[in-house]
């Protein structure tokens, strides 16, 4: 979410990411309220069911307290673009968090706020430290749309794990800092078949990519199978979103992970304070992790590289875009003008590459039937 906001603020003579990091925490909280309410304006005609990607939630934010406008420059820029915000899919937060970035920065804050083991943070990093502690390492202020912790669910990290388990049937790849499994509430109402179904879709799409130019007599691509798997995923994911369920949680978790992701996308003030300048996102994270003595995940590059594309594809799947066999070829047929947005095929090719590296399961290989 913060990466989207920074992109809106980018302009000649302006640097969107630096402008975001310079804001007061209350302004950033207000911007999130604005973005959440703006996403509610995505409702199509005819109105889709509540929980649809174009109508995620009907829970009101406190945007109205600001007269319907975002403080500072964001409102004018958003209005000029005439584009509402659509936040990333929960899978984005899952992928980013698997890098262990949240735990690494927890150590960063701990050391800077308790002493000078890491040195003294630069002047322009002081606001980053304050904002990060205010927004992501304490119970958020009441009434905000991102306030998803309370006496009922007091642990934000456990709350995110609960959401991942419900939506994807997946655990994070790390537990507590002492190596023990991280405690959180698990539910029976979870999409336990998500991984197997998604990997089967990737296999079928890969076949389509291989044979996209083959003649009809030698082409084993099964567009009906692709659309059937897409529809199964559509039904599975949307079942968790009935009546807007999990929408606030998704928004809050995606916003949190986008903040940390953006922090290491460039040599930001806190990165420079940690003397962790580098040319790649994962290299900055590795340097910071080494400074605080908590290793990041060795496959972090794959998690960062897959996050945006898998978020986009799952949103499109939930939209029902590939439920029709006639639309299935979009997932394996190269398309799109040079310089334009990447095609669904390009996104799927990237997902296949990084999913294989992350899981160790080669989704390019066909399943072998027993017997």
Protein backbone atom coordinates (compact mmCIF):
# COMPACT_ATOMS: atom_id res chain seq x y z
CA UNK A 1 0.00 0.00 0.00
CA UNK A 2 2.77 2.44 0.93
CA UNK A 3 4.57 1.59 -2.30
CA UNK A 4 1.44 2.55 -4.23
CA UNK A 5 1.18 5.81 -2.30
CA UNK A 6 4.84 6.61 -2.98
CA UNK A 7 4.30 5.92 -6.68
CA UNK A 8 1.43 8.42 -6.72
CA UNK A 9 3.64 11.03 -5.08
CA UNK A 10 6.51 10.57 -7.53
CA UNK A 11 6.85 13.51 -9.89
CA UNK A 12 9.60 15.61 -11.47
CA UNK A 13 11.52 17.18 -8.62
CA UNK A 14 9.81 14.95 -6.03
CA UNK A 15 10.79 11.62 -4.54
CA UNK A 16 7.73 9.73 -3.41
CA UNK A 17 9.39 7.25 -1.07
CA UNK A 18 11.36 9.92 0.76
CA UNK A 19 8.20 12.02 1.04
CA UNK A 20 6.30 9.12 2.60
CA UNK A 21 9.06 8.45 5.14
CA UNK A 22 9.12 12.14 6.12
CA UNK A 23 5.45 12.25 7.15
CA UNK A 24 4.06 12.31 10.68
CA UNK A 25 2.65 8.90 11.69
CA UNK A 26 -0.82 10.43 12.02
CA UNK A 27 -0.66 11.64 8.43
CA UNK A 28 0.34 8.19 7.23
CA UNK A 29 -2.51 6.65 9.21
CA UNK A 30 -4.87 9.13 7.59
CA UNK A 31 -3.50 8.26 4.16
CA UNK A 32 -4.25 4.60 4.85
CA UNK A 33 -7.80 5.51 5.79
CA UNK A 34 -8.09 7.41 2.52
CA UNK A 35 -6.66 4.52 0.50
CA UNK A 36 -8.98 1.99 2.15
CA UNK A 37 -12.05 4.13 1.53
CA UNK A 38 -10.90 4.80 -2.02
CA UNK A 39 -10.78 1.06 -2.67
CA UNK A 40 -14.42 0.85 -1.64
CA UNK A 41 -15.12 3.20 -4.56
CA UNK A 42 -13.99 0.45 -6.95
CA UNK A 43 -17.51 -1.00 -6.92
CA UNK A 44 -18.48 -1.88 -10.47
CA UNK A 45 -21.89 -1.65 -12.08
CA UNK A 46 -23.69 -3.93 -11.59
CA UNK A 47 -22.38 -4.10 -8.05
CA UNK A 48 -20.35 -7.27 -7.40
CA UNK A 49 -20.86 -9.33 -4.24
CA UNK A 50 -19.18 -8.13 -1.08
CA UNK A 51 -15.67 -9.59 -0.92
CA UNK A 52 -15.09 -9.32 -4.68
CA UNK A 53 -11.77 -7.64 -5.65
CA UNK A 54 -13.79 -4.62 -6.79
CA UNK A 55 -15.79 -4.49 -3.55
CA UNK A 56 -13.61 -5.89 -0.80
CA UNK A 57 -15.32 -4.32 2.17
CA UNK A 58 -18.25 -2.17 3.20
CA UNK A 59 -16.78 -1.31 6.61
CA UNK A 60 -16.39 2.48 6.77
CA UNK A 61 -13.10 4.17 7.57
CA UNK A 62 -12.73 7.53 9.32
CA UNK A 63 -11.99 9.32 6.06
CA UNK A 64 -15.14 11.35 6.59
CA UNK A 65 -13.52 13.02 9.60
CA UNK A 66 -11.08 14.62 7.16
CA UNK A 67 -13.84 15.97 4.95
CA UNK A 68 -13.34 13.12 2.50
CA UNK A 69 -9.85 14.34 1.61
CA UNK A 70 -6.41 13.07 2.50
CA UNK A 71 -4.15 15.52 4.29
CA UNK A 72 -1.16 16.92 2.45
CA UNK A 73 -0.50 16.37 -1.25
CA UNK A 74 -2.01 12.90 -1.57
CA UNK A 75 -5.62 13.95 -2.14
CA UNK A 76 -4.87 16.25 -5.05
CA UNK A 77 -2.63 13.69 -6.71
CA UNK A 78 -5.12 10.87 -6.29
CA UNK A 79 -7.94 13.04 -7.58
CA UNK A 80 -5.91 14.10 -10.59
CA UNK A 81 -5.08 10.52 -11.44
CA UNK A 82 -8.75 9.56 -10.99
CA UNK A 83 -7.59 6.14 -9.92
CA UNK A 84 -8.68 4.57 -6.64
CA UNK A 85 -6.28 2.45 -4.67
CA UNK A 86 -6.57 -1.33 -4.89
CA UNK A 87 -4.49 -2.95 -2.23
CA UNK A 88 -2.42 -6.06 -2.85
CA UNK A 89 -3.64 -9.57 -2.21
CA UNK A 90 -2.87 -11.15 1.17
CA UNK A 91 -0.37 -13.43 -0.63
CA UNK A 92 1.86 -10.35 -1.07
CA UNK A 93 2.16 -9.93 2.71
CA UNK A 94 2.79 -13.67 3.11
CA UNK A 95 5.66 -13.65 0.62
CA UNK A 96 7.32 -10.53 2.01
CA UNK A 97 7.04 -11.71 5.61
CA UNK A 98 8.67 -15.05 4.71
CA UNK A 99 11.93 -13.14 4.15
CA UNK A 100 11.87 -12.58 7.93
CA UNK A 101 11.95 -8.84 7.32
CA UNK A 102 9.51 -8.01 10.14
CA UNK A 103 11.61 -9.84 12.75
CA UNK A 104 14.85 -8.32 11.45
CA UNK A 105 13.50 -4.79 11.74
CA UNK A 106 12.10 -5.57 15.16
CA UNK A 107 15.70 -6.16 16.20
CA UNK A 108 16.73 -2.91 14.50
CA UNK A 109 14.22 -0.91 16.52
CA UNK A 110 15.14 -2.73 19.72
CA UNK A 111 18.83 -1.88 19.38
CA UNK A 112 18.36 1.74 18.30
CA UNK A 113 15.77 2.46 20.97
CA UNK A 114 17.70 0.83 23.82
CA UNK A 115 21.24 2.00 23.18
CA UNK A 116 23.93 2.65 20.61
CA UNK A 117 25.09 -0.84 19.74
CA UNK A 118 24.30 -0.08 16.09
CA UNK A 119 25.56 3.50 16.36
CA UNK A 120 23.41 6.61 16.30
CA UNK A 121 20.76 6.77 13.57
CA UNK A 122 21.03 9.62 11.09
CA UNK A 123 18.81 12.64 11.56
CA UNK A 124 16.50 11.69 8.69
CA UNK A 125 16.15 8.15 10.07
CA UNK A 126 14.70 9.34 13.38
CA UNK A 127 11.23 9.82 11.90
CA UNK A 128 11.37 6.37 10.29
CA UNK A 129 12.09 4.83 13.70
CA UNK A 130 9.25 6.72 15.34
CA UNK A 131 6.74 5.93 12.61
CA UNK A 132 7.68 2.25 12.39
CA UNK A 133 7.29 1.77 16.13
CA UNK A 134 4.01 3.71 16.18
CA UNK A 135 2.37 1.92 13.25
CA UNK A 136 3.74 -1.63 13.28
CA UNK A 137 5.07 -2.60 16.71
CA UNK A 138 2.29 -1.50 19.05
CA UNK A 139 -1.46 -1.80 19.25
CA UNK A 140 -2.74 0.68 16.72
CA UNK A 141 -4.95 3.54 17.80
CA UNK A 142 -8.64 2.66 18.13
CA UNK A 143 -11.10 3.43 15.34
CA UNK A 144 -8.50 3.14 12.55
CA UNK A 145 -9.19 0.64 9.78
CA UNK A 146 -5.78 -0.94 10.46
CA UNK A 147 -6.58 -1.49 14.14
CA UNK A 148 -6.69 -5.28 14.04
CA UNK A 149 -5.34 -6.05 17.50
CA UNK A 150 -7.12 -5.95 20.84
CA UNK A 151 -7.60 -7.95 24.03
CA UNK A 152 -9.29 -10.57 21.84
CA UNK A 153 -6.32 -10.81 19.44
CA UNK A 154 -3.40 -9.16 21.21
CA UNK A 155 -0.55 -10.34 18.97
CA UNK A 156 -0.20 -8.83 15.47
CA UNK A 157 2.24 -11.53 14.37
CA UNK A 158 -0.17 -14.25 15.44
CA UNK A 159 -2.99 -12.42 13.66
CA UNK A 160 -1.10 -12.44 10.38
CA UNK A 161 -0.31 -16.13 10.70
CA UNK A 162 -3.97 -16.86 11.35
CA UNK A 163 -4.94 -14.99 8.17
CA UNK A 164 -2.34 -16.84 6.08
CA UNK A 165 -3.53 -20.19 7.40
CA UNK A 166 -7.16 -19.40 6.71
CA UNK A 167 -6.62 -18.10 3.19
CA UNK A 168 -3.83 -20.37 1.94
CA UNK A 169 -3.47 -23.21 4.43
CA UNK A 170 0.19 -22.17 4.71
CA UNK A 171 2.56 -21.43 7.57
CA UNK A 172 5.37 -18.90 7.54
CA UNK A 173 8.76 -20.53 7.09
CA UNK A 174 10.02 -19.35 10.48
CA UNK A 175 8.76 -19.58 14.03
CA UNK A 176 9.72 -17.61 17.10
CA UNK A 177 13.21 -16.18 17.48
CA UNK A 178 14.19 -19.10 19.75
CA UNK A 179 13.27 -21.58 17.01
CA UNK A 180 10.06 -22.82 18.57
CA UNK A 181 6.81 -22.82 16.57
CA UNK A 182 5.05 -19.48 16.83
CA UNK A 183 1.74 -19.86 18.73
CA UNK A 184 -1.40 -18.63 16.99
CA UNK A 185 -5.04 -19.63 16.69
CA UNK A 186 -5.63 -22.09 13.85
CA UNK A 187 -9.04 -22.68 12.35
CA UNK A 188 -10.72 -25.58 10.59
CA UNK A 189 -12.22 -23.15 8.05
CA UNK A 190 -9.03 -22.91 6.00
CA UNK A 191 -8.13 -23.42 2.35
CA UNK A 192 -6.10 -26.56 2.91
CA UNK A 193 -6.15 -27.44 -0.79
CA UNK A 194 -4.81 -24.10 -1.98
CA UNK A 195 -1.18 -25.16 -2.50
CA UNK A 196 -1.98 -28.39 -4.35
CA UNK A 197 -4.53 -26.64 -6.58
CA UNK A 198 -2.28 -23.68 -7.31
CA UNK A 199 0.65 -25.91 -8.19
CA UNK A 200 -1.53 -27.96 -10.52
CA UNK A 201 -2.56 -24.71 -12.22
CA UNK A 202 1.10 -23.74 -12.62
CA UNK A 203 1.85 -27.12 -14.21
CA UNK A 204 -0.98 -26.82 -16.69
CA UNK A 205 -0.01 -23.24 -17.55
CA UNK A 206 3.59 -24.33 -18.10
CA UNK A 207 2.41 -26.94 -20.60
CA UNK A 208 0.54 -24.18 -22.40
CA UNK A 209 3.69 -22.05 -22.48
CA UNK A 210 5.72 -24.87 -24.00
CA UNK A 211 3.20 -25.72 -26.70
CA UNK A 212 1.74 -22.29 -27.37
CA UNK A 213 2.97 -22.36 -30.98
CA UNK A 214 2.41 -26.08 -31.57
CA UNK A 215 -0.14 -27.42 -34.03
CA UNK A 216 -3.47 -28.59 -32.69
CA UNK A 217 -2.58 -32.26 -33.29
CA UNK A 218 0.55 -32.12 -31.12
CA UNK A 219 -0.58 -29.70 -28.44
CA UNK A 220 -1.48 -31.28 -25.07
CA UNK A 221 -2.56 -27.93 -23.59
CA UNK A 222 -5.92 -28.26 -21.88
CA UNK A 223 -7.52 -24.84 -21.62
CA UNK A 224 -10.58 -26.36 -19.99
CA UNK A 225 -8.38 -27.83 -17.26
CA UNK A 226 -6.69 -24.44 -16.75
CA UNK A 227 -10.01 -22.67 -16.38
CA UNK A 228 -11.34 -25.43 -14.12
CA UNK A 229 -8.37 -25.01 -11.76
CA UNK A 230 -8.68 -21.21 -11.89
CA UNK A 231 -12.36 -21.50 -10.99
CA UNK A 232 -11.56 -23.88 -8.14
CA UNK A 233 -9.09 -21.34 -6.74
CA UNK A 234 -11.64 -18.57 -7.32
CA UNK A 235 -14.27 -20.42 -5.29
CA UNK A 236 -11.79 -21.38 -2.59
CA UNK A 237 -10.46 -17.86 -2.02
CA UNK A 238 -13.82 -16.14 -2.31
CA UNK A 239 -15.29 -18.53 0.26
CA UNK A 240 -12.98 -16.97 2.85
CA UNK A 241 -14.15 -13.49 1.83
CA UNK A 242 -17.90 -13.85 2.20
CA UNK A 243 -19.50 -10.56 3.30
CA UNK A 244 -16.10 -8.85 3.21
CA UNK A 245 -14.52 -11.24 5.71
CA UNK A 246 -10.73 -10.78 6.24
CA UNK A 247 -10.69 -7.54 4.22
CA UNK A 248 -9.54 -5.25 7.04
CA UNK A 249 -6.95 -7.78 8.12
CA UNK A 250 -5.64 -8.13 4.59
CA UNK A 251 -5.40 -4.37 4.19
CA UNK A 252 -3.51 -3.93 7.47
CA UNK A 253 -1.10 -6.79 6.82
CA UNK A 254 -0.37 -5.75 3.24
CA UNK A 255 0.23 -2.16 4.37
CA UNK A 256 2.68 -3.29 7.05
CA UNK A 257 4.73 -5.49 4.73
CA UNK A 258 4.76 -2.85 1.99
CA UNK A 259 6.32 -0.40 4.48
CA UNK A 260 9.23 -2.72 5.18
CA UNK A 261 9.56 -3.74 1.53
CA UNK A 262 9.78 -0.09 0.48
CA UNK A 263 12.33 0.58 3.23
CA UNK A 264 14.89 -1.69 1.53
CA UNK A 265 13.99 -0.94 -2.08
CA UNK A 266 16.55 1.85 -2.02
CA UNK A 267 19.23 3.21 0.27
CA UNK A 268 16.69 4.76 2.60
CA UNK A 269 17.70 6.77 5.69
CA UNK A 270 17.52 3.76 8.00
CA UNK A 271 19.46 1.62 5.54
CA UNK A 272 22.21 4.24 5.43
CA UNK A 273 22.15 4.56 9.22
CA UNK A 274 22.83 0.82 9.36
CA UNK A 275 25.58 1.12 6.72
CA UNK A 276 23.70 -1.46 4.68
CA UNK A 277 23.79 0.25 1.28
CA UNK A 278 23.60 -2.23 -1.59
CA UNK A 279 22.29 -2.64 -5.12
CA UNK A 280 19.56 -5.20 -4.44
CA UNK A 281 16.61 -5.49 -2.08
CA UNK A 282 17.72 -8.81 -0.63
CA UNK A 283 21.33 -7.62 -0.26
CA UNK A 284 20.22 -4.70 1.88
CA UNK A 285 18.16 -7.07 4.02
CA UNK A 286 21.05 -9.51 4.40
CA UNK A 287 23.38 -6.72 5.54
CA UNK A 288 20.86 -5.42 8.06
CA UNK A 289 20.16 -8.94 9.33
CA UNK A 290 23.87 -9.50 9.83
CA UNK A 291 24.16 -6.27 11.80
CA UNK A 292 21.44 -7.33 14.24
CA UNK A 293 22.40 -11.00 14.44
CA UNK A 294 19.18 -12.48 13.08
CA UNK A 295 19.61 -14.13 9.67
CA UNK A 296 17.13 -13.33 6.94
CA UNK A 297 15.84 -16.20 4.84
CA UNK A 298 18.34 -17.37 2.25
CA UNK A 299 15.70 -17.35 -0.48
CA UNK A 300 14.58 -13.79 0.23
CA UNK A 301 15.23 -12.65 -3.34
CA UNK A 302 12.69 -15.16 -4.62
CA UNK A 303 10.10 -13.96 -2.10
CA UNK A 304 10.56 -10.34 -3.15
CA UNK A 305 10.59 -11.18 -6.85
CA UNK A 306 7.38 -13.22 -6.77
CA UNK A 307 5.33 -10.99 -4.47
CA UNK A 308 3.88 -8.45 -6.91
CA UNK A 309 3.09 -10.90 -9.70
CA UNK A 310 1.44 -13.53 -7.52
CA UNK A 311 -0.64 -10.81 -5.86
CA UNK A 312 -1.83 -9.59 -9.26
CA UNK A 313 -2.67 -13.07 -10.57
CA UNK A 314 -4.63 -14.10 -7.46
CA UNK A 315 -6.65 -10.89 -7.62
CA UNK A 316 -7.46 -11.65 -11.26
CA UNK A 317 -8.36 -15.23 -10.37
CA UNK A 318 -10.70 -14.00 -7.63
CA UNK A 319 -12.22 -11.66 -10.18
CA UNK A 320 -13.16 -14.76 -12.20
CA UNK A 321 -11.11 -13.56 -15.17
CA UNK A 322 -9.96 -17.05 -16.13
CA UNK A 323 -13.02 -19.12 -15.27
CA UNK A 324 -14.01 -19.25 -18.93
CA UNK A 325 -11.90 -21.64 -21.07
CA UNK A 326 -11.79 -18.94 -23.75
CA UNK A 327 -9.80 -16.70 -21.36
CA UNK A 328 -7.41 -19.40 -20.13
CA UNK A 329 -4.85 -18.85 -22.95
CA UNK A 330 -4.13 -15.39 -21.52
CA UNK A 331 -2.16 -17.16 -18.79
CA UNK A 332 0.25 -18.85 -21.20
CA UNK A 333 0.20 -16.76 -24.38
CA UNK A 334 2.71 -13.88 -24.64
CA UNK A 335 0.90 -10.63 -25.19
CA UNK A 336 1.08 -6.91 -24.55
CA UNK A 337 2.87 -4.07 -26.34
CA UNK A 338 6.54 -3.34 -25.59
CA UNK A 339 6.85 -0.99 -22.66
CA UNK A 340 3.32 -1.72 -21.47
CA UNK A 341 2.26 -3.58 -18.33
CA UNK A 342 3.48 -7.19 -18.19
CA UNK A 343 1.09 -9.73 -19.63
CA UNK A 344 -0.52 -12.40 -17.44
CA UNK A 345 1.78 -14.87 -19.21
CA UNK A 346 4.88 -12.93 -18.11
CA UNK A 347 3.59 -12.81 -14.55
CA UNK A 348 2.88 -16.55 -14.56
CA UNK A 349 6.32 -17.33 -15.99
CA UNK A 350 7.91 -15.34 -13.15
CA UNK A 351 5.70 -17.06 -10.56
CA UNK A 352 6.60 -20.52 -11.89
CA UNK A 353 10.32 -19.75 -11.67
CA UNK A 354 10.27 -18.41 -8.13
CA UNK A 355 7.62 -20.79 -6.73
CA UNK A 356 9.82 -23.70 -7.81
CA UNK A 357 12.85 -22.16 -6.10
CA UNK A 358 10.91 -21.37 -2.92
CA UNK A 359 9.19 -24.73 -2.49
CA UNK A 360 11.78 -27.03 -4.05
CA UNK A 361 8.97 -28.61 -6.10
CA UNK A 362 9.44 -28.43 -9.87
CA UNK A 363 6.08 -27.30 -11.20
CA UNK A 364 7.46 -27.57 -14.73
CA UNK A 365 7.39 -31.35 -14.36
CA UNK A 366 4.15 -33.17 -15.12
CA UNK A 367 2.52 -35.10 -12.29
CA UNK A 368 3.05 -38.84 -12.56
CA UNK A 369 -0.02 -40.93 -11.82
CA UNK A 370 0.41 -43.81 -9.41
CA UNK A 371 0.30 -47.24 -11.06
